[in-house]
C-alpha cells in the first residue's frame, strides 16, 4: 500500500498541472491490451479472496472468530482491487507505447512480490496446512438466516454484494475503464480535443 501511495504522489500530487491525455490510437490500444493482460493475472487473486469469504460464510462453525478471518480475506480482496485500479490509472497516464509496456512489466513484478515471498518461506506448518484445497460439501443456503449470528448475517450480505459486483462489473468490464479515464479526468483526451 505504501508503494501505491508513493506512485500516486509522484505522478499526481508532485505535478504542477496534472492532466491525462491519449496522444494516438496505438497508445489507446496498448493501454487496453496491457490492462486486460494484467486484469487476467490479478483476477485469480481476487477470486481466491472472495472464495475465502464465501467459505467463511458457508462454514461459520469451523471458525472460533468470525471477524478475524473476514478481515484478513477482505484486506486481500481490497488489495487486489486497489492494485487493479492503480494499474488502470497509471496506464491511463502513460503517453507512449513504450511507457505503457514498461509500466506493465514493472507493475507485473510488483503484483508478484507476495507470491515470491510466500514461496521463499520454508518449514512453515501453516503453509503446509493451507495447501490443502477447501472441501465444499454444502451450499451457503444450507445455513439458515435465523441460525446465523449478527456478524455472520452482515458477512453474508457483504459476500453477496461482493459476488454481484465481481460477476457484473469487475470480471467483464474493468479493463475497459483504462480508456475512459482520460475522458473523465482533468485535461480530457487529446484525441477527443482534436475532433472539436
N, C-alpha and C. Protein backbone atom coordinates (compact mmCIF):
# COMPACT_ATOMS: atom_id res chain seq x y z
N UNK A 1 0.82 -1.18 0.00
CA UNK A 1 0.00 0.00 0.00
C UNK A 1 0.87 1.26 0.00
N UNK A 2 2.02 1.17 0.67
CA UNK A 2 2.94 2.30 0.69
C UNK A 2 3.45 2.61 -0.71
N UNK A 3 3.73 1.57 -1.49
CA UNK A 3 4.19 1.79 -2.87
C UNK A 3 3.11 2.49 -3.70
N UNK A 4 1.87 2.10 -3.50
CA UNK A 4 0.78 2.73 -4.26
C UNK A 4 0.65 4.20 -3.89
N UNK A 5 0.77 4.52 -2.62
CA UNK A 5 0.71 5.92 -2.19
C UNK A 5 1.86 6.71 -2.80
N UNK A 6 3.05 6.14 -2.81
CA UNK A 6 4.21 6.82 -3.41
C UNK A 6 4.04 7.01 -4.91
N UNK A 7 3.45 6.02 -5.57
CA UNK A 7 3.20 6.13 -7.02
C UNK A 7 2.26 7.30 -7.30
N UNK A 8 1.15 7.36 -6.57
CA UNK A 8 0.20 8.46 -6.78
C UNK A 8 0.82 9.82 -6.43
N UNK A 9 1.63 9.85 -5.38
CA UNK A 9 2.28 11.11 -5.00
C UNK A 9 3.18 11.61 -6.12
N UNK A 10 4.01 10.72 -6.68
CA UNK A 10 4.95 11.16 -7.70
C UNK A 10 4.28 11.49 -9.02
N UNK A 11 3.19 10.81 -9.35
CA UNK A 11 2.55 11.03 -10.66
C UNK A 11 1.52 12.15 -10.62
N UNK A 12 0.76 12.24 -9.54
CA UNK A 12 -0.35 13.19 -9.50
C UNK A 12 -0.01 14.42 -8.67
N UNK A 13 0.37 14.23 -7.43
CA UNK A 13 0.48 15.35 -6.50
C UNK A 13 1.75 16.17 -6.67
N UNK A 14 2.80 15.58 -7.21
CA UNK A 14 4.05 16.33 -7.42
C UNK A 14 4.05 17.10 -8.74
N UNK A 15 3.03 16.93 -9.55
CA UNK A 15 2.93 17.63 -10.83
C UNK A 15 2.18 18.95 -10.63
N UNK A 16 2.69 19.99 -11.26
CA UNK A 16 2.04 21.29 -11.12
C UNK A 16 0.71 21.33 -11.86
N UNK A 17 0.70 20.83 -13.10
CA UNK A 17 -0.52 20.79 -13.91
C UNK A 17 -0.73 19.36 -14.38
N UNK A 18 -1.41 18.57 -13.57
CA UNK A 18 -1.63 17.17 -13.89
C UNK A 18 -2.78 17.02 -14.88
N UNK A 19 -2.52 16.38 -16.02
CA UNK A 19 -3.56 16.05 -17.00
C UNK A 19 -3.29 14.66 -17.54
N UNK A 20 -4.35 14.01 -18.00
CA UNK A 20 -4.23 12.70 -18.64
C UNK A 20 -4.65 12.88 -20.09
N UNK A 21 -3.79 12.47 -21.01
CA UNK A 21 -4.09 12.62 -22.43
C UNK A 21 -3.86 11.28 -23.14
N UNK A 22 -4.53 11.13 -24.28
CA UNK A 22 -4.30 9.99 -25.16
C UNK A 22 -3.77 10.54 -26.47
N UNK A 23 -2.46 10.44 -26.71
CA UNK A 23 -1.88 11.08 -27.89
C UNK A 23 -2.27 10.44 -29.23
N UNK A 24 -2.45 9.11 -29.25
CA UNK A 24 -2.81 8.46 -30.52
C UNK A 24 -3.47 7.11 -30.28
N UNK A 25 -3.91 6.50 -31.36
CA UNK A 25 -4.65 5.23 -31.28
C UNK A 25 -3.75 4.09 -30.82
N UNK A 26 -2.49 4.08 -31.19
CA UNK A 26 -1.61 2.98 -30.76
C UNK A 26 -1.44 2.97 -29.24
N UNK A 27 -1.37 4.14 -28.61
CA UNK A 27 -1.30 4.20 -27.15
C UNK A 27 -2.63 3.73 -26.56
N UNK A 28 -3.72 4.14 -27.17
CA UNK A 28 -5.05 3.71 -26.74
C UNK A 28 -5.14 2.19 -26.74
N UNK A 29 -4.72 1.55 -27.82
CA UNK A 29 -4.78 0.09 -27.94
C UNK A 29 -3.81 -0.60 -26.98
N UNK A 30 -2.62 -0.04 -26.81
CA UNK A 30 -1.64 -0.64 -25.90
C UNK A 30 -2.14 -0.58 -24.46
N UNK A 31 -2.75 0.52 -24.08
CA UNK A 31 -3.32 0.63 -22.74
C UNK A 31 -4.37 -0.46 -22.52
N UNK A 32 -5.23 -0.65 -23.50
CA UNK A 32 -6.29 -1.65 -23.37
C UNK A 32 -5.71 -3.06 -23.26
N UNK A 33 -4.78 -3.40 -24.13
CA UNK A 33 -4.20 -4.75 -24.10
C UNK A 33 -3.44 -5.04 -22.81
N UNK A 34 -2.61 -4.09 -22.37
CA UNK A 34 -1.85 -4.33 -21.14
C UNK A 34 -2.76 -4.38 -19.92
N UNK A 35 -3.81 -3.56 -19.90
CA UNK A 35 -4.74 -3.61 -18.76
C UNK A 35 -5.50 -4.93 -18.76
N UNK A 36 -5.83 -5.47 -19.92
CA UNK A 36 -6.52 -6.77 -19.99
C UNK A 36 -5.61 -7.90 -19.52
N UNK A 37 -4.35 -7.87 -19.93
CA UNK A 37 -3.42 -8.93 -19.52
C UNK A 37 -3.21 -8.90 -18.01
N UNK A 38 -2.99 -7.73 -17.45
CA UNK A 38 -2.78 -7.65 -16.01
C UNK A 38 -4.07 -7.99 -15.25
N UNK A 39 -5.21 -7.63 -15.81
CA UNK A 39 -6.50 -8.00 -15.20
C UNK A 39 -6.64 -9.52 -15.13
N UNK A 40 -6.24 -10.21 -16.19
CA UNK A 40 -6.32 -11.68 -16.19
C UNK A 40 -5.40 -12.29 -15.15
N UNK A 41 -4.29 -11.62 -14.86
CA UNK A 41 -3.37 -12.13 -13.84
C UNK A 41 -3.89 -11.85 -12.43
N UNK A 42 -4.50 -10.70 -12.22
CA UNK A 42 -4.99 -10.34 -10.89
C UNK A 42 -6.32 -10.98 -10.54
N UNK A 43 -7.06 -11.39 -11.54
CA UNK A 43 -8.42 -11.88 -11.30
C UNK A 43 -8.41 -13.15 -10.45
N UNK A 44 -7.37 -13.97 -10.57
CA UNK A 44 -7.28 -15.19 -9.76
C UNK A 44 -7.14 -14.88 -8.28
N UNK A 45 -6.34 -13.88 -7.95
CA UNK A 45 -6.18 -13.49 -6.55
C UNK A 45 -7.48 -12.94 -5.97
N UNK A 46 -8.16 -12.10 -6.72
CA UNK A 46 -9.42 -11.53 -6.25
C UNK A 46 -10.46 -12.62 -6.07
N UNK A 47 -10.52 -13.56 -6.99
CA UNK A 47 -11.47 -14.68 -6.89
C UNK A 47 -11.15 -15.55 -5.67
N UNK A 48 -9.87 -15.80 -5.42
CA UNK A 48 -9.47 -16.59 -4.26
C UNK A 48 -9.91 -15.91 -2.97
N UNK A 49 -9.74 -14.61 -2.89
CA UNK A 49 -10.13 -13.87 -1.69
C UNK A 49 -11.64 -13.91 -1.50
N UNK A 50 -12.39 -13.83 -2.58
CA UNK A 50 -13.85 -13.94 -2.49
C UNK A 50 -14.25 -15.34 -2.01
N UNK A 51 -13.54 -16.35 -2.49
CA UNK A 51 -13.86 -17.72 -2.08
C UNK A 51 -13.57 -17.94 -0.59
N UNK A 52 -12.55 -17.26 -0.06
CA UNK A 52 -12.27 -17.37 1.38
C UNK A 52 -13.43 -16.80 2.19
N UNK A 53 -13.95 -15.66 1.76
CA UNK A 53 -15.08 -15.05 2.46
C UNK A 53 -16.33 -15.92 2.29
N UNK A 54 -16.49 -16.48 1.11
CA UNK A 54 -17.64 -17.35 0.86
C UNK A 54 -17.55 -18.63 1.71
N UNK A 55 -16.34 -19.16 1.88
CA UNK A 55 -16.15 -20.34 2.73
C UNK A 55 -16.48 -20.01 4.18
N UNK A 56 -16.03 -18.86 4.64
CA UNK A 56 -16.36 -18.40 5.99
C UNK A 56 -17.86 -18.27 6.16
N UNK A 57 -18.53 -17.81 5.14
CA UNK A 57 -19.98 -17.62 5.16
C UNK A 57 -20.71 -18.97 5.14
N UNK A 58 -20.16 -19.97 4.46
CA UNK A 58 -20.81 -21.27 4.32
C UNK A 58 -20.53 -22.17 5.52
N UNK A 59 -19.36 -22.04 6.12
CA UNK A 59 -18.97 -22.90 7.25
C UNK A 59 -18.60 -22.05 8.47
N UNK A 60 -19.54 -21.29 9.02
CA UNK A 60 -19.18 -20.43 10.15
C UNK A 60 -18.78 -21.21 11.40
N UNK A 61 -19.25 -22.44 11.53
CA UNK A 61 -18.93 -23.23 12.72
C UNK A 61 -17.47 -23.69 12.76
N UNK A 62 -16.75 -23.62 11.66
CA UNK A 62 -15.35 -24.05 11.61
C UNK A 62 -14.39 -22.97 12.12
N UNK A 63 -14.92 -21.81 12.45
CA UNK A 63 -14.09 -20.69 12.88
C UNK A 63 -14.49 -20.27 14.29
N UNK A 64 -13.49 -20.07 15.14
CA UNK A 64 -13.80 -19.63 16.51
C UNK A 64 -14.11 -18.14 16.54
N UNK A 65 -13.62 -17.40 15.56
CA UNK A 65 -13.92 -15.98 15.44
C UNK A 65 -14.38 -15.71 14.02
N UNK A 66 -15.39 -14.88 13.88
CA UNK A 66 -15.90 -14.55 12.55
C UNK A 66 -15.12 -13.39 11.94
N UNK A 67 -14.76 -12.41 12.78
CA UNK A 67 -14.21 -11.17 12.26
C UNK A 67 -12.77 -11.28 11.80
N UNK A 68 -11.92 -12.02 12.49
CA UNK A 68 -10.50 -12.09 12.12
C UNK A 68 -10.31 -12.70 10.73
N UNK A 69 -10.89 -13.89 10.43
CA UNK A 69 -10.72 -14.40 9.06
C UNK A 69 -11.38 -13.52 8.01
N UNK A 70 -12.50 -12.88 8.37
CA UNK A 70 -13.15 -11.99 7.42
C UNK A 70 -12.26 -10.79 7.10
N UNK A 71 -11.69 -10.18 8.13
CA UNK A 71 -10.84 -9.01 7.91
C UNK A 71 -9.61 -9.36 7.08
N UNK A 72 -9.00 -10.52 7.34
CA UNK A 72 -7.84 -10.95 6.57
C UNK A 72 -8.21 -11.15 5.10
N UNK A 73 -9.30 -11.87 4.86
CA UNK A 73 -9.72 -12.11 3.48
C UNK A 73 -10.15 -10.82 2.79
N UNK A 74 -10.84 -9.95 3.52
CA UNK A 74 -11.28 -8.69 2.92
C UNK A 74 -10.11 -7.76 2.61
N UNK A 75 -9.09 -7.76 3.46
CA UNK A 75 -7.90 -6.95 3.18
C UNK A 75 -7.23 -7.43 1.89
N UNK A 76 -7.16 -8.74 1.69
CA UNK A 76 -6.57 -9.26 0.46
C UNK A 76 -7.44 -8.89 -0.74
N UNK A 77 -8.75 -9.02 -0.59
CA UNK A 77 -9.68 -8.66 -1.65
C UNK A 77 -9.56 -7.19 -2.01
N UNK A 78 -9.53 -6.34 -1.00
CA UNK A 78 -9.40 -4.90 -1.19
C UNK A 78 -8.05 -4.58 -1.83
N UNK A 79 -7.00 -5.27 -1.41
CA UNK A 79 -5.67 -5.06 -2.02
C UNK A 79 -5.67 -5.38 -3.50
N UNK A 80 -6.36 -6.43 -3.90
CA UNK A 80 -6.48 -6.76 -5.32
C UNK A 80 -7.18 -5.68 -6.11
N UNK A 81 -8.27 -5.14 -5.53
CA UNK A 81 -8.99 -4.05 -6.19
C UNK A 81 -8.13 -2.80 -6.30
N UNK A 82 -7.45 -2.45 -5.23
CA UNK A 82 -6.59 -1.27 -5.25
C UNK A 82 -5.48 -1.43 -6.28
N UNK A 83 -4.89 -2.62 -6.34
CA UNK A 83 -3.85 -2.88 -7.34
C UNK A 83 -4.40 -2.73 -8.76
N UNK A 84 -5.60 -3.24 -8.97
CA UNK A 84 -6.22 -3.15 -10.30
C UNK A 84 -6.51 -1.70 -10.68
N UNK A 85 -7.08 -0.92 -9.78
CA UNK A 85 -7.39 0.47 -10.09
C UNK A 85 -6.12 1.31 -10.23
N UNK A 86 -5.10 1.00 -9.44
CA UNK A 86 -3.82 1.71 -9.60
C UNK A 86 -3.22 1.42 -10.96
N UNK A 87 -3.28 0.15 -11.37
CA UNK A 87 -2.79 -0.21 -12.70
C UNK A 87 -3.54 0.56 -13.79
N UNK A 88 -4.86 0.61 -13.70
CA UNK A 88 -5.65 1.32 -14.71
C UNK A 88 -5.31 2.80 -14.75
N UNK A 89 -5.23 3.41 -13.57
CA UNK A 89 -4.95 4.83 -13.51
C UNK A 89 -3.55 5.13 -14.06
N UNK A 90 -2.58 4.34 -13.66
CA UNK A 90 -1.21 4.58 -14.10
C UNK A 90 -1.05 4.33 -15.60
N UNK A 91 -1.70 3.30 -16.12
CA UNK A 91 -1.65 3.08 -17.57
C UNK A 91 -2.29 4.24 -18.31
N UNK A 92 -3.34 4.81 -17.75
CA UNK A 92 -4.01 5.94 -18.40
C UNK A 92 -3.13 7.18 -18.43
N UNK A 93 -2.12 7.26 -17.56
CA UNK A 93 -1.24 8.42 -17.55
C UNK A 93 -0.03 8.25 -18.47
N UNK A 94 0.19 7.06 -19.00
CA UNK A 94 1.32 6.83 -19.92
C UNK A 94 0.98 7.39 -21.30
N UNK A 95 1.94 8.05 -21.93
CA UNK A 95 1.66 8.75 -23.20
C UNK A 95 2.36 8.14 -24.41
N UNK A 96 3.04 7.00 -24.23
CA UNK A 96 3.65 6.34 -25.38
C UNK A 96 3.52 4.84 -25.21
N UNK A 97 3.65 4.12 -26.30
CA UNK A 97 3.55 2.66 -26.27
C UNK A 97 4.65 2.08 -25.38
N UNK A 98 5.86 2.62 -25.51
CA UNK A 98 7.00 2.12 -24.72
C UNK A 98 6.75 2.32 -23.23
N UNK A 99 6.22 3.47 -22.85
CA UNK A 99 5.95 3.74 -21.44
C UNK A 99 4.85 2.81 -20.90
N UNK A 100 3.84 2.52 -21.71
CA UNK A 100 2.77 1.60 -21.30
C UNK A 100 3.33 0.21 -21.03
N UNK A 101 4.16 -0.27 -21.94
CA UNK A 101 4.73 -1.62 -21.79
C UNK A 101 5.70 -1.66 -20.61
N UNK A 102 6.51 -0.62 -20.46
CA UNK A 102 7.44 -0.57 -19.33
C UNK A 102 6.69 -0.58 -18.00
N UNK A 103 5.63 0.22 -17.91
CA UNK A 103 4.85 0.24 -16.68
C UNK A 103 4.18 -1.10 -16.44
N UNK A 104 3.67 -1.72 -17.50
CA UNK A 104 3.02 -3.03 -17.37
C UNK A 104 3.99 -4.05 -16.77
N UNK A 105 5.21 -4.11 -17.29
CA UNK A 105 6.20 -5.06 -16.78
C UNK A 105 6.54 -4.75 -15.32
N UNK A 106 6.74 -3.47 -15.01
CA UNK A 106 7.07 -3.08 -13.63
C UNK A 106 5.93 -3.43 -12.68
N UNK A 107 4.70 -3.16 -13.07
CA UNK A 107 3.57 -3.44 -12.20
C UNK A 107 3.33 -4.94 -12.07
N UNK A 108 3.62 -5.69 -13.13
CA UNK A 108 3.52 -7.15 -13.08
C UNK A 108 4.46 -7.71 -12.01
N UNK A 109 5.68 -7.18 -11.95
CA UNK A 109 6.64 -7.62 -10.93
C UNK A 109 6.14 -7.25 -9.54
N UNK A 110 5.58 -6.06 -9.38
CA UNK A 110 5.05 -5.65 -8.08
C UNK A 110 3.92 -6.55 -7.60
N UNK A 111 3.06 -6.98 -8.52
CA UNK A 111 1.94 -7.84 -8.11
C UNK A 111 2.40 -9.25 -7.77
N UNK A 112 3.59 -9.64 -8.20
CA UNK A 112 4.11 -10.98 -7.92
C UNK A 112 4.92 -11.05 -6.64
N UNK A 113 5.15 -9.92 -5.97
CA UNK A 113 6.00 -9.90 -4.79
C UNK A 113 5.45 -10.80 -3.68
N UNK A 114 4.13 -10.77 -3.46
CA UNK A 114 3.58 -11.61 -2.38
C UNK A 114 3.77 -13.09 -2.66
N UNK A 115 3.67 -13.50 -3.94
CA UNK A 115 3.91 -14.90 -4.29
C UNK A 115 5.37 -15.28 -4.11
N UNK A 116 6.27 -14.39 -4.48
CA UNK A 116 7.70 -14.65 -4.32
C UNK A 116 8.04 -14.80 -2.84
N UNK A 117 7.47 -13.95 -2.02
CA UNK A 117 7.71 -14.01 -0.58
C UNK A 117 7.17 -15.32 0.00
N UNK A 118 5.95 -15.70 -0.39
CA UNK A 118 5.33 -16.92 0.14
C UNK A 118 6.11 -18.16 -0.29
N UNK A 119 6.61 -18.19 -1.52
CA UNK A 119 7.37 -19.34 -2.00
C UNK A 119 8.74 -19.44 -1.34
N UNK A 120 9.25 -18.33 -0.85
CA UNK A 120 10.56 -18.32 -0.20
C UNK A 120 10.52 -18.83 1.22
N UNK A 121 9.32 -18.94 1.79
CA UNK A 121 9.20 -19.43 3.17
C UNK A 121 9.29 -20.95 3.16
N UNK A 122 10.07 -21.51 4.10
CA UNK A 122 10.18 -22.97 4.18
C UNK A 122 9.96 -23.42 5.61
N UNK A 123 9.63 -24.69 5.76
CA UNK A 123 9.40 -25.31 7.07
C UNK A 123 8.37 -24.54 7.89
N UNK A 124 7.31 -24.16 7.25
CA UNK A 124 6.24 -23.45 7.95
C UNK A 124 5.01 -24.35 7.96
N UNK A 125 4.57 -24.77 9.13
CA UNK A 125 3.46 -25.71 9.23
C UNK A 125 2.15 -25.11 8.72
N UNK A 126 1.95 -23.83 8.94
CA UNK A 126 0.73 -23.18 8.47
C UNK A 126 0.66 -23.21 6.94
N UNK A 127 1.80 -23.01 6.28
CA UNK A 127 1.84 -23.05 4.82
C UNK A 127 1.43 -24.43 4.31
N UNK A 128 1.89 -25.48 4.98
CA UNK A 128 1.53 -26.84 4.59
C UNK A 128 0.04 -27.09 4.81
N UNK A 129 -0.49 -26.53 5.89
CA UNK A 129 -1.91 -26.75 6.21
C UNK A 129 -2.83 -26.08 5.19
N UNK A 130 -2.47 -24.92 4.70
CA UNK A 130 -3.36 -24.21 3.77
C UNK A 130 -3.18 -24.64 2.32
N UNK A 131 -2.23 -25.52 2.05
CA UNK A 131 -2.07 -26.01 0.68
C UNK A 131 -3.16 -27.00 0.30
N UNK A 132 -3.84 -27.56 1.30
CA UNK A 132 -4.94 -28.47 1.02
C UNK A 132 -6.13 -27.66 0.48
N UNK A 133 -6.79 -28.16 -0.55
CA UNK A 133 -7.94 -27.40 -1.09
C UNK A 133 -9.11 -27.41 -0.12
N UNK A 134 -9.93 -26.38 -0.21
CA UNK A 134 -11.12 -26.30 0.62
C UNK A 134 -12.14 -27.31 0.13
N UNK A 135 -12.78 -28.00 1.05
CA UNK A 135 -13.79 -29.00 0.71
C UNK A 135 -15.17 -28.40 0.92
N UNK A 136 -15.95 -28.41 -0.15
CA UNK A 136 -17.31 -27.85 -0.10
C UNK A 136 -18.29 -29.02 -0.16
N UNK A 137 -18.98 -29.32 0.93
CA UNK A 137 -19.99 -30.37 0.91
C UNK A 137 -21.39 -29.85 1.19
N UNK A 138 -21.52 -28.53 1.19
CA UNK A 138 -22.85 -27.92 1.31
C UNK A 138 -22.81 -26.54 0.68
N UNK A 139 -24.00 -25.96 0.52
CA UNK A 139 -24.12 -24.63 -0.05
C UNK A 139 -24.39 -23.62 1.06
N UNK A 140 -24.12 -22.35 0.76
CA UNK A 140 -24.33 -21.32 1.78
C UNK A 140 -25.79 -21.20 2.16
N UNK A 141 -26.70 -21.60 1.28
CA UNK A 141 -28.12 -21.55 1.59
C UNK A 141 -28.51 -22.57 2.65
N UNK A 142 -27.67 -23.59 2.86
CA UNK A 142 -27.97 -24.62 3.86
C UNK A 142 -27.89 -24.08 5.28
N UNK A 143 -27.17 -22.99 5.48
CA UNK A 143 -27.11 -22.35 6.79
C UNK A 143 -28.24 -21.31 6.82
N UNK A 144 -29.25 -21.60 7.60
CA UNK A 144 -30.43 -20.73 7.63
C UNK A 144 -30.09 -19.36 8.23
N UNK A 145 -30.78 -18.36 7.74
CA UNK A 145 -30.57 -16.97 8.19
C UNK A 145 -30.80 -16.87 9.71
N UNK A 146 -31.79 -17.56 10.22
CA UNK A 146 -32.11 -17.48 11.65
C UNK A 146 -31.03 -18.13 12.52
N UNK A 147 -30.23 -19.04 11.94
CA UNK A 147 -29.17 -19.71 12.70
C UNK A 147 -27.87 -18.91 12.73
N UNK A 148 -27.81 -17.86 11.97
CA UNK A 148 -26.59 -17.06 11.89
C UNK A 148 -26.57 -15.99 12.98
N UNK A 149 -25.35 -15.67 13.43
CA UNK A 149 -25.20 -14.56 14.38
C UNK A 149 -25.30 -13.24 13.61
N UNK A 150 -25.32 -12.14 14.33
CA UNK A 150 -25.38 -10.83 13.67
C UNK A 150 -24.18 -10.58 12.77
N UNK A 151 -22.98 -10.97 13.22
CA UNK A 151 -21.78 -10.80 12.41
C UNK A 151 -21.84 -11.67 11.15
N UNK A 152 -22.34 -12.89 11.30
CA UNK A 152 -22.43 -13.78 10.13
C UNK A 152 -23.47 -13.29 9.14
N UNK A 153 -24.51 -12.67 9.63
CA UNK A 153 -25.52 -12.09 8.72
C UNK A 153 -24.92 -10.93 7.94
N UNK A 154 -24.16 -10.08 8.62
CA UNK A 154 -23.50 -8.96 7.94
C UNK A 154 -22.51 -9.47 6.90
N UNK A 155 -21.73 -10.48 7.26
CA UNK A 155 -20.76 -11.06 6.32
C UNK A 155 -21.49 -11.68 5.13
N UNK A 156 -22.65 -12.27 5.37
CA UNK A 156 -23.46 -12.85 4.28
C UNK A 156 -23.89 -11.76 3.30
N UNK A 157 -24.32 -10.63 3.81
CA UNK A 157 -24.73 -9.51 2.95
C UNK A 157 -23.53 -8.98 2.16
N UNK A 158 -22.40 -8.80 2.83
CA UNK A 158 -21.18 -8.33 2.16
C UNK A 158 -20.74 -9.33 1.11
N UNK A 159 -20.82 -10.62 1.43
CA UNK A 159 -20.46 -11.68 0.47
C UNK A 159 -21.31 -11.60 -0.79
N UNK A 160 -22.59 -11.39 -0.64
CA UNK A 160 -23.48 -11.31 -1.81
C UNK A 160 -23.20 -10.05 -2.63
N UNK A 161 -22.92 -8.93 -1.97
CA UNK A 161 -22.60 -7.69 -2.69
C UNK A 161 -21.30 -7.86 -3.46
N UNK A 162 -20.29 -8.48 -2.82
CA UNK A 162 -19.00 -8.71 -3.49
C UNK A 162 -19.19 -9.65 -4.68
N UNK A 163 -19.97 -10.71 -4.50
CA UNK A 163 -20.21 -11.67 -5.58
C UNK A 163 -20.90 -11.00 -6.76
N UNK A 164 -21.91 -10.19 -6.47
CA UNK A 164 -22.64 -9.48 -7.53
C UNK A 164 -21.71 -8.50 -8.26
N UNK A 165 -20.93 -7.72 -7.50
CA UNK A 165 -20.01 -6.74 -8.12
C UNK A 165 -18.95 -7.43 -8.96
N UNK A 166 -18.43 -8.53 -8.46
CA UNK A 166 -17.40 -9.28 -9.19
C UNK A 166 -17.94 -9.80 -10.51
N UNK A 167 -19.13 -10.40 -10.48
CA UNK A 167 -19.68 -11.02 -11.68
C UNK A 167 -20.28 -10.04 -12.67
N UNK A 168 -20.67 -8.87 -12.24
CA UNK A 168 -21.30 -7.93 -13.17
C UNK A 168 -20.36 -6.86 -13.69
N UNK A 169 -19.47 -6.34 -12.84
CA UNK A 169 -18.63 -5.22 -13.24
C UNK A 169 -17.17 -5.62 -13.34
N UNK A 170 -16.62 -6.13 -12.27
CA UNK A 170 -15.18 -6.37 -12.19
C UNK A 170 -14.69 -7.35 -13.25
N UNK A 171 -15.30 -8.50 -13.34
CA UNK A 171 -14.81 -9.56 -14.22
C UNK A 171 -14.81 -9.16 -15.69
N UNK A 172 -15.88 -8.53 -16.14
CA UNK A 172 -16.04 -8.27 -17.56
C UNK A 172 -15.60 -6.88 -18.01
N UNK A 173 -15.87 -5.86 -17.23
CA UNK A 173 -15.75 -4.50 -17.74
C UNK A 173 -14.59 -3.67 -17.22
N UNK A 174 -13.94 -4.08 -16.14
CA UNK A 174 -12.93 -3.22 -15.52
C UNK A 174 -11.77 -2.85 -16.45
N UNK A 175 -11.23 -3.76 -17.27
CA UNK A 175 -10.10 -3.35 -18.12
C UNK A 175 -10.44 -2.23 -19.11
N UNK A 176 -11.70 -2.11 -19.49
CA UNK A 176 -12.09 -1.08 -20.45
C UNK A 176 -12.08 0.31 -19.84
N UNK A 177 -12.07 0.38 -18.52
CA UNK A 177 -12.04 1.67 -17.83
C UNK A 177 -10.77 2.46 -18.13
N UNK A 178 -9.68 1.75 -18.50
CA UNK A 178 -8.40 2.43 -18.76
C UNK A 178 -8.54 3.47 -19.87
N UNK A 179 -9.39 3.23 -20.83
CA UNK A 179 -9.55 4.18 -21.92
C UNK A 179 -10.70 5.16 -21.70
N UNK A 180 -11.42 5.03 -20.60
CA UNK A 180 -12.43 6.03 -20.24
C UNK A 180 -11.85 7.08 -19.29
N UNK A 181 -10.82 6.71 -18.55
CA UNK A 181 -10.22 7.64 -17.58
C UNK A 181 -9.80 8.96 -18.22
N UNK A 182 -9.16 8.97 -19.40
CA UNK A 182 -8.78 10.27 -19.98
C UNK A 182 -9.96 11.18 -20.29
N UNK A 183 -11.13 10.60 -20.52
CA UNK A 183 -12.29 11.41 -20.86
C UNK A 183 -13.01 11.98 -19.64
N UNK A 184 -12.77 11.39 -18.46
CA UNK A 184 -13.43 11.87 -17.25
C UNK A 184 -12.46 12.55 -16.29
N UNK A 185 -11.20 12.68 -16.70
CA UNK A 185 -10.20 13.29 -15.84
C UNK A 185 -9.88 14.71 -16.29
N UNK A 186 -9.13 15.45 -15.48
CA UNK A 186 -8.74 16.80 -15.88
C UNK A 186 -7.92 16.76 -17.18
N UNK A 187 -8.23 17.62 -18.08
CA UNK A 187 -7.49 17.70 -19.33
C UNK A 187 -8.15 16.94 -20.45
N UNK A 188 -8.89 15.87 -20.13
CA UNK A 188 -9.56 15.10 -21.15
C UNK A 188 -8.60 14.42 -22.09
N UNK A 189 -9.11 13.93 -23.19
CA UNK A 189 -8.29 13.24 -24.17
C UNK A 189 -7.92 14.16 -25.31
N UNK A 190 -6.66 14.07 -25.73
CA UNK A 190 -6.24 14.91 -26.85
C UNK A 190 -6.88 14.45 -28.14
N UNK A 191 -7.23 13.17 -28.23
CA UNK A 191 -7.95 12.69 -29.42
C UNK A 191 -9.32 13.35 -29.48
N UNK A 192 -10.01 13.37 -28.33
CA UNK A 192 -11.33 14.00 -28.29
C UNK A 192 -11.21 15.50 -28.54
N UNK A 193 -10.17 16.12 -28.01
CA UNK A 193 -9.99 17.56 -28.19
C UNK A 193 -9.66 17.89 -29.64
N UNK A 194 -8.95 17.01 -30.33
CA UNK A 194 -8.58 17.26 -31.71
C UNK A 194 -9.78 17.21 -32.64
N UNK A 195 -10.82 16.49 -32.26
CA UNK A 195 -12.01 16.38 -33.10
C UNK A 195 -12.86 17.62 -33.03
N UNK A 196 -12.72 18.43 -31.99
CA UNK A 196 -13.56 19.64 -31.84
C UNK A 196 -12.95 20.84 -32.49
